C-alpha atoms as a PDB file:
ATOM      1  CA  MET A   1    -103.583  51.464 -12.685  1.00  0.00           C
ATOM      2  CA  SER A   2    -102.669  47.816 -12.352  1.00  0.00           C
ATOM      3  CA  ALA A   3     -99.640  46.343 -14.128  1.00  0.00           C
ATOM      4  CA  ALA A   4    -101.917  45.018 -16.874  1.00  0.00           C
ATOM      5  CA  GLN A   5    -103.476  48.459 -17.373  1.00  0.00           C
ATOM      6  CA  LEU A   6    -100.080  50.161 -17.358  1.00  0.00           C
ATOM      7  CA  ARG A   7     -98.911  47.767 -20.050  1.00  0.00           C
ATOM      8  CA  THR A   8    -101.603  49.004 -22.452  1.00  0.00           C
ATOM      9  CA  HIS A   9    -100.426  52.598 -21.932  1.00  0.00           C
ATOM     10  CA  LEU A  10     -96.778  52.009 -22.850  1.00  0.00           C
ATOM     11  CA  LEU A  11     -95.371  53.663 -25.954  1.00  0.00           C
ATOM     12  CA  PRO A  12     -97.079  52.368 -29.112  1.00  0.00           C
ATOM     13  CA  ALA A  13     -95.384  49.629 -31.138  1.00  0.00           C
ATOM     14  CA  ILE A  14     -94.657  51.951 -34.080  1.00  0.00           C
ATOM     15  CA  LEU A  15     -92.993  55.265 -33.278  1.00  0.00           C
ATOM     16  CA  PRO A  16     -91.934  58.181 -35.496  1.00  0.00           C
ATOM     17  CA  LYS A  17     -88.692  58.018 -37.527  1.00  0.00           C
ATOM     18  CA  GLY A  18     -88.747  54.237 -37.857  1.00  0.00           C
ATOM     19  CA  TRP A  19     -88.439  53.525 -34.138  1.00  0.00           C
ATOM     20  CA  THR A  20     -90.229  50.628 -32.442  1.00  0.00           C
ATOM     21  CA  SER A  21     -91.381  49.837 -28.911  1.00  0.00           C
ATOM     22  CA  GLN A  22     -92.015  46.368 -27.533  1.00  0.00           C
ATOM     23  CA  ALA A  23     -93.558  45.628 -24.165  1.00  0.00           C
ATOM     24  CA  ASP A  24     -91.364  43.397 -22.031  1.00  0.00           C
ATOM     25  CA  PRO A  25     -92.784  39.884 -21.517  1.00  0.00           C
ATOM     26  CA  ALA A  26     -92.683  40.141 -17.734  1.00  0.00           C
ATOM     27  CA  ASP A  27     -93.263  43.227 -15.614  1.00  0.00           C
ATOM     28  CA  PRO A  28     -90.688  43.921 -12.910  1.00  0.00           C
ATOM     29  CA  GLY A  29     -91.687  44.214  -9.302  1.00  0.00           C
ATOM     30  CA  SER A  30     -92.719  47.721  -8.357  1.00  0.00           C
ATOM     31  CA  GLY A  31     -89.628  49.760  -7.576  1.00  0.00           C
ATOM     32  CA  SER A  32     -87.356  46.933  -8.653  1.00  0.00           C
ATOM     33  CA  ALA A  33     -84.120  48.223  -7.113  1.00  0.00           C
ATOM     34  CA  ALA A  34     -82.763  45.305  -5.100  1.00  0.00           C
ATOM     35  CA  ASN A  35     -82.974  45.475  -1.329  1.00  0.00           C
ATOM     36  CA  GLY A  36     -79.679  45.426   0.488  1.00  0.00           C
ATOM     37  CA  GLU A  37     -77.641  47.057  -2.287  1.00  0.00           C
ATOM     38  CA  PRO A  38     -75.095  49.652  -1.132  1.00  0.00           C
ATOM     39  CA  ARG A  39     -76.338  53.210  -1.021  1.00  0.00           C
ATOM     40  CA  CYS A  40     -75.840  54.940  -4.381  1.00  0.00           C
ATOM     41  CA  ALA A  41     -75.169  51.645  -6.212  1.00  0.00           C
ATOM     42  CA  PHE A  42     -76.581  53.074  -9.449  1.00  0.00           C
ATOM     43  CA  LEU A  43     -75.157  52.538 -12.901  1.00  0.00           C
ATOM     44  CA  SER A  44     -77.488  54.878 -14.776  1.00  0.00           C
ATOM     45  CA  GLY A  45     -80.120  57.565 -14.459  1.00  0.00           C
ATOM     46  CA  GLY A  46     -82.733  54.865 -14.987  1.00  0.00           C
ATOM     47  CA  ASP A  47     -81.395  52.943 -11.984  1.00  0.00           C
ATOM     48  CA  LEU A  48     -81.658  56.042  -9.824  1.00  0.00           C
ATOM     49  CA  ALA A  49     -85.234  56.720 -10.957  1.00  0.00           C
ATOM     50  CA  ASP A  50     -86.112  53.099 -10.253  1.00  0.00           C
ATOM     51  CA  ALA A  51     -84.726  53.368  -6.725  1.00  0.00           C
ATOM     52  CA  GLY A  52     -86.925  56.408  -6.123  1.00  0.00           C
ATOM     53  CA  ALA A  53     -90.046  54.471  -7.127  1.00  0.00           C
ATOM     54  CA  THR A  54     -89.980  51.736  -4.498  1.00  0.00           C
ATOM     55  CA  ALA A  55     -93.427  52.761  -3.188  1.00  0.00           C
ATOM     56  CA  ALA A  56     -95.078  51.969  -6.550  1.00  0.00           C
ATOM     57  CA  VAL A  57     -97.926  49.458  -6.443  1.00  0.00           C
ATOM     58  CA  ALA A  58     -97.481  48.344 -10.086  1.00  0.00           C
ATOM     59  CA  SER A  59     -95.137  48.813 -13.033  1.00  0.00           C
ATOM     60  CA  ALA A  60     -94.677  47.877 -16.694  1.00  0.00           C
ATOM     61  CA  THR A  61     -91.696  48.203 -19.028  1.00  0.00           C
ATOM     62  CA  ALA A  62     -90.925  48.345 -22.739  1.00  0.00           C
ATOM     63  CA  SER A  63     -87.786  48.267 -24.876  1.00  0.00           C
ATOM     64  CA  VAL A  64     -87.331  51.071 -27.404  1.00  0.00           C
ATOM     65  CA  SER A  65     -84.961  50.932 -30.383  1.00  0.00           C
ATOM     66  CA  GLY A  66     -84.292  52.562 -33.722  1.00  0.00           C
ATOM     67  CA  GLY A  67     -82.241  55.120 -35.579  1.00  0.00           C
ATOM     68  CA  HIS A  68     -78.532  54.728 -36.248  1.00  0.00           C
ATOM     69  CA  SER A  69     -76.011  54.805 -33.428  1.00  0.00           C
ATOM     70  CA  ALA A  70     -72.502  56.165 -33.681  1.00  0.00           C
ATOM     71  CA  GLY A  71     -71.212  52.586 -33.676  1.00  0.00           C
ATOM     72  CA  GLY A  72     -73.280  51.665 -36.725  1.00  0.00           C
ATOM     73  CA  GLY A  73     -76.026  49.808 -34.897  1.00  0.00           C
ATOM     74  CA  VAL A  74     -79.335  51.023 -33.496  1.00  0.00           C
ATOM     75  CA  MET A  75     -79.982  53.196 -30.463  1.00  0.00           C
ATOM     76  CA  VAL A  76     -81.529  51.381 -27.530  1.00  0.00           C
ATOM     77  CA  GLY A  77     -83.487  52.619 -24.538  1.00  0.00           C
ATOM     78  CA  GLY A  78     -86.541  51.786 -22.524  1.00  0.00           C
ATOM     79  CA  GLU A  79     -89.681  53.002 -20.806  1.00  0.00           C
ATOM     80  CA  THR A  80     -91.045  52.152 -17.384  1.00  0.00           C
ATOM     81  CA  LEU A  81     -94.458  53.168 -16.063  1.00  0.00           C
ATOM     82  CA  TYR A  82     -95.065  53.172 -12.304  1.00  0.00           C
ATOM     83  CA  SER A  83     -98.458  53.463 -10.613  1.00  0.00           C
ATOM     84  CA  PHE A  84     -98.850  54.818  -7.082  1.00  0.00           C
ATOM     85  CA  SER A  85    -101.630  55.308  -4.551  1.00  0.00           C
ATOM     86  CA  GLY A  86    -102.386  58.518  -2.701  1.00  0.00           C
ATOM     87  CA  ASP A  87     -99.628  61.116  -2.946  1.00  0.00           C
ATOM     88  CA  ASP A  88     -96.854  58.516  -3.248  1.00  0.00           C
ATOM     89  CA  ALA A  89     -96.087  59.546  -6.846  1.00  0.00           C
ATOM     90  CA  ALA A  90     -95.263  63.093  -5.709  1.00  0.00           C
ATOM     91  CA  GLN A  91     -93.189  61.647  -2.865  1.00  0.00           C
ATOM     92  CA  ALA A  92     -91.310  59.478  -5.368  1.00  0.00           C
ATOM     93  CA  MET A  93     -90.334  62.580  -7.354  1.00  0.00           C
ATOM     94  CA  HIS A  94     -88.993  64.114  -4.146  1.00  0.00           C
ATOM     95  CA  HIS A  95     -87.105  60.883  -3.405  1.00  0.00           C
ATOM     96  CA  ILE A  96     -85.498  60.889  -6.884  1.00  0.00           C
ATOM     97  CA  ARG A  97     -84.267  64.459  -6.384  1.00  0.00           C
ATOM     98  CA  GLN A  98     -82.959  63.511  -2.949  1.00  0.00           C
ATOM     99  CA  LEU A  99     -81.066  60.483  -4.245  1.00  0.00           C
ATOM    100  CA  ALA A 100     -79.483  62.503  -7.059  1.00  0.00           C
ATOM    101  CA  ALA A 101     -78.223  65.051  -4.522  1.00  0.00           C
ATOM    102  CA  GLU A 102     -76.918  62.387  -2.137  1.00  0.00           C
ATOM    103  CA  CYS A 103     -75.240  60.402  -4.918  1.00  0.00           C
ATOM    104  CA  ALA A 104     -73.841  63.300  -6.937  1.00  0.00           C
ATOM    105  CA  LYS A 105     -70.476  61.554  -7.351  1.00  0.00           C
ATOM    106  CA  VAL A 106     -69.864  57.831  -6.907  1.00  0.00           C
ATOM    107  CA  VAL A 107     -66.342  56.449  -7.388  1.00  0.00           C
ATOM    108  CA  THR A 108     -65.788  52.721  -7.836  1.00  0.00           C
ATOM    109  CA  PRO A 109     -62.147  51.925  -6.961  1.00  0.00           C
ATOM    110  CA  ALA A 110     -59.893  50.060  -9.374  1.00  0.00           C
ATOM    111  CA  ILE A 111     -59.759  46.283  -8.867  1.00  0.00           C
ATOM    112  CA  ARG A 112     -56.222  44.980  -8.405  1.00  0.00           C
ATOM    113  CA  SER A 113     -55.826  41.762 -10.395  1.00  0.00           C
ATOM    114  CA  THR A 114     -53.619  40.238 -13.066  1.00  0.00           C
ATOM    115  CA  LEU A 115     -55.765  41.921 -15.722  1.00  0.00           C
ATOM    116  CA  GLY A 116     -56.295  45.133 -13.816  1.00  0.00           C
ATOM    117  CA  SER A 117     -59.461  47.201 -13.831  1.00  0.00           C
ATOM    118  CA  PRO A 118     -59.694  51.004 -13.950  1.00  0.00           C
ATOM    119  CA  SER A 119     -61.666  53.026 -11.445  1.00  0.00           C
ATOM    120  CA  SER A 120     -64.934  54.510 -12.659  1.00  0.00           C
ATOM    121  CA  THR A 121     -66.847  57.610 -11.612  1.00  0.00           C
ATOM    122  CA  GLU A 122     -70.608  58.033 -11.927  1.00  0.00           C
ATOM    123  CA  ARG A 123     -72.081  61.503 -11.534  1.00  0.00           C
ATOM    124  CA  PHE A 124     -75.773  62.247 -11.053  1.00  0.00           C
ATOM    125  CA  ALA A 125     -77.821  65.436 -10.970  1.00  0.00           C
ATOM    126  CA  ALA A 126     -81.575  66.058 -10.985  1.00  0.00           C
ATOM    127  CA  VAL A 127     -82.519  69.096 -13.063  1.00  0.00           C
ATOM    128  CA  SER A 128     -85.826  70.466 -14.256  1.00  0.00           C
ATOM    129  CA  GLY A 129     -87.374  68.461 -17.077  1.00  0.00           C
ATOM    130  CA  PRO A 130     -89.672  69.680 -19.870  1.00  0.00           C
ATOM    131  CA  ARG A 131     -93.017  71.281 -19.037  1.00  0.00           C
ATOM    132  CA  MET A 132     -95.098  68.111 -19.154  1.00  0.00           C
ATOM    133  CA  GLY A 133     -97.452  66.477 -16.699  1.00  0.00           C
ATOM    134  CA  ASP A 134     -97.650  67.643 -13.094  1.00  0.00           C
ATOM    135  CA  ASP A 135     -93.892  67.550 -12.515  1.00  0.00           C
ATOM    136  CA  SER A 136     -90.796  66.466 -14.416  1.00  0.00           C
ATOM    137  CA  ILE A 137     -87.146  65.686 -13.736  1.00  0.00           C
ATOM    138  CA  ARG A 138     -84.199  65.006 -15.973  1.00  0.00           C
ATOM    139  CA  VAL A 139     -81.717  62.792 -14.159  1.00  0.00           C
ATOM    140  CA  ARG A 140     -78.371  63.625 -15.724  1.00  0.00           C
ATOM    141  CA  ALA A 141     -75.961  60.719 -15.429  1.00  0.00           C
ATOM    142  CA  THR A 142     -72.410  60.300 -16.749  1.00  0.00           C
ATOM    143  CA  THR A 143     -69.676  57.684 -16.397  1.00  0.00           C
ATOM    144  CA  THR A 144     -65.935  58.178 -16.839  1.00  0.00           C
ATOM    145  CA  TRP A 145     -62.953  55.856 -16.335  1.00  0.00           C
ATOM    146  CA  SER A 146     -59.489  56.491 -14.957  1.00  0.00           C
ATOM    147  CA  ASP A 147     -57.755  54.949 -17.989  1.00  0.00           C
ATOM    148  CA  HIS A 148     -59.807  56.938 -20.544  1.00  0.00           C
ATOM    149  CA  PRO A 149     -60.544  60.269 -18.812  1.00  0.00           C
ATOM    150  CA  ARG A 150     -61.746  61.958 -22.013  1.00  0.00           C
ATOM    151  CA  VAL A 151     -64.374  59.316 -22.740  1.00  0.00           C
ATOM    152  CA  VAL A 152     -67.743  60.244 -21.234  1.00  0.00           C
ATOM    153  CA  LEU A 153     -70.806  58.045 -21.548  1.00  0.00           C
ATOM    154  CA  HIS A 154     -74.239  59.539 -20.876  1.00  0.00           C
ATOM    155  CA  ASP A 155     -77.204  57.576 -19.571  1.00  0.00           C
ATOM    156  CA  ASP A 156     -79.780  60.160 -18.537  1.00  0.00           C
ATOM    157  CA  ALA A 157     -83.350  59.386 -17.592  1.00  0.00           C
ATOM    158  CA  LEU A 158     -86.414  61.587 -18.017  1.00  0.00           C
ATOM    159  CA  VAL A 159     -89.187  61.294 -15.432  1.00  0.00           C
ATOM    160  CA  VAL A 160     -92.646  62.850 -15.782  1.00  0.00           C
ATOM    161  CA  ARG A 161     -95.391  62.580 -13.180  1.00  0.00           C
ATOM    162  CA  GLU A 162     -98.884  62.415 -14.627  1.00  0.00           C
ATOM    163  CA  SER A 163    -101.259  62.355 -11.636  1.00  0.00           C
ATOM    164  CA  ASN A 164    -100.403  59.114  -9.762  1.00  0.00           C
ATOM    165  CA  THR A 165     -98.300  57.624 -12.576  1.00  0.00           C
ATOM    166  CA  LEU A 166     -94.586  58.107 -13.210  1.00  0.00           C
ATOM    167  CA  ILE A 167     -93.333  57.847 -16.798  1.00  0.00           C
ATOM    168  CA  VAL A 168     -89.615  57.081 -17.062  1.00  0.00           C
ATOM    169  CA  LEU A 169     -87.617  57.040 -20.309  1.00  0.00           C
ATOM    170  CA  TRP A 170     -83.995  55.945 -20.163  1.00  0.00           C
ATOM    171  CA  CYS A 171     -81.134  55.055 -22.475  1.00  0.00           C
ATOM    172  CA  ILE A 172     -78.185  52.663 -22.326  1.00  0.00           C
ATOM    173  CA  PRO A 173     -74.815  54.442 -21.907  1.00  0.00           C
ATOM    174  CA  THR A 174     -74.106  56.339 -25.118  1.00  0.00           C
ATOM    175  CA  THR A 175     -73.495  59.821 -26.525  1.00  0.00           C
ATOM    176  CA  GLN A 176     -75.492  62.824 -25.344  1.00  0.00           C
ATOM    177  CA  ALA A 177     -77.108  63.231 -28.780  1.00  0.00           C
ATOM    178  CA  GLU A 178     -78.355  59.627 -28.782  1.00  0.00           C
ATOM    179  CA  VAL A 179     -79.710  59.960 -25.243  1.00  0.00           C
ATOM    180  CA  ASP A 180     -81.579  63.097 -26.313  1.00  0.00           C
ATOM    181  CA  THR A 181     -83.114  61.197 -29.240  1.00  0.00           C
ATOM    182  CA  VAL A 182     -84.515  58.450 -27.004  1.00  0.00           C
ATOM    183  CA  LEU A 183     -85.813  60.929 -24.449  1.00  0.00           C
ATOM    184  CA  SER A 184     -87.513  62.947 -27.208  1.00  0.00           C
ATOM    185  CA  PHE A 185     -90.330  60.377 -27.230  1.00  0.00           C
ATOM    186  CA  MET A 186     -91.664  61.673 -23.907  1.00  0.00           C
ATOM    187  CA  PRO A 187     -94.568  63.621 -25.527  1.00  0.00           C
ATOM    188  CA  GLU A 188     -95.798  60.357 -27.090  1.00  0.00           C
ATOM    189  CA  ALA A 189     -95.332  58.564 -23.764  1.00  0.00           C
ATOM    190  CA  VAL A 190     -97.371  61.191 -21.889  1.00  0.00           C
ATOM    191  CA  ALA A 191    -100.103  61.096 -24.555  1.00  0.00           C
ATOM    192  CA  GLN A 192    -100.351  57.309 -24.185  1.00  0.00           C
ATOM    193  CA  VAL A 193    -100.801  57.563 -20.406  1.00  0.00           C
ATOM    194  CA  ARG A 194    -103.437  60.289 -20.759  1.00  0.00           C
ATOM    195  CA  SER A 195    -105.376  58.552 -23.550  1.00  0.00           C
ATOM    196  CA  GLN A 196    -108.586  56.648 -22.921  1.00  0.00           C
ATOM    197  CA  ARG A 197    -107.900  54.746 -26.149  1.00  0.00           C
ATOM    198  CA  PRO A 198    -104.083  54.458 -26.321  1.00  0.00           C
ATOM    199  CA  ALA A 199    -102.415  53.358 -29.554  1.00  0.00           C
ATOM    200  CA  PRO A 200    -101.751  49.582 -29.690  1.00  0.00           C
ATOM    201  CA  VAL A 201     -98.634  48.548 -27.805  1.00  0.00           C
ATOM    202  CA  ASP A 202     -98.030  44.944 -28.861  1.00  0.00           C
ATOM    203  CA  THR A 203     -97.837  43.486 -32.360  1.00  0.00           C
ATOM    204  CA  ALA A 204    -100.781  41.199 -31.631  1.00  0.00           C
ATOM    205  CA  HIS A 205    -102.913  44.149 -30.548  1.00  0.00           C
ATOM    206  CA  ARG A 206    -101.884  46.127 -33.624  1.00  0.00           C
ATOM    207  CA  ALA A 207    -102.779  43.252 -35.968  1.00  0.00           C
ATOM    208  CA  ALA A 208    -106.143  42.795 -34.279  1.00  0.00           C
ATOM    209  CA  GLY A 209    -106.950  46.469 -34.759  1.00  0.00           C
ATOM    210  CA  ALA A 210    -105.808  46.605 -38.369  1.00  0.00           C
END
């Protein structure tokens, strides 16, 4: 699928439990991880999945939000769809697993300055995802800091391959329970990609179909 086609298959604008999805105004370049970045320069599971999808020929993204976060606001995450040719989607899944193994632990040293900056540690692991699509991976990702060793932020990503399309759901760093809530929309995401008549994605499309 082209980027325009992928956009129509993103999560629908209205989701269960009062959640909403909004297609981003501009689609990123396929496999948008920047060239020349240091190996394992990932801040989240979504970053790692993105780096594994550099062979994609098209992509589309959406922002997802809703619920009530521990801090009193809303939970925030996102969805990215990637389209591949040939067997590149299967190769991308292999690449994601490879990157997670190579970058299992990434330590960013403390910055010495007048203000000081603690060191941080990102840990990644690719484990089996739910039984959806042709293949699935859960990229487990955590961040800890040297000055608050008991504080752990989770930013997992869930990746499902449906034929030559990768569906990626991800969450901003938060608690494990909130990450799980965002990733729980994967069945709806897979249904949208499979559907010949997907539910409307944008507000304008929804109004036109009302």
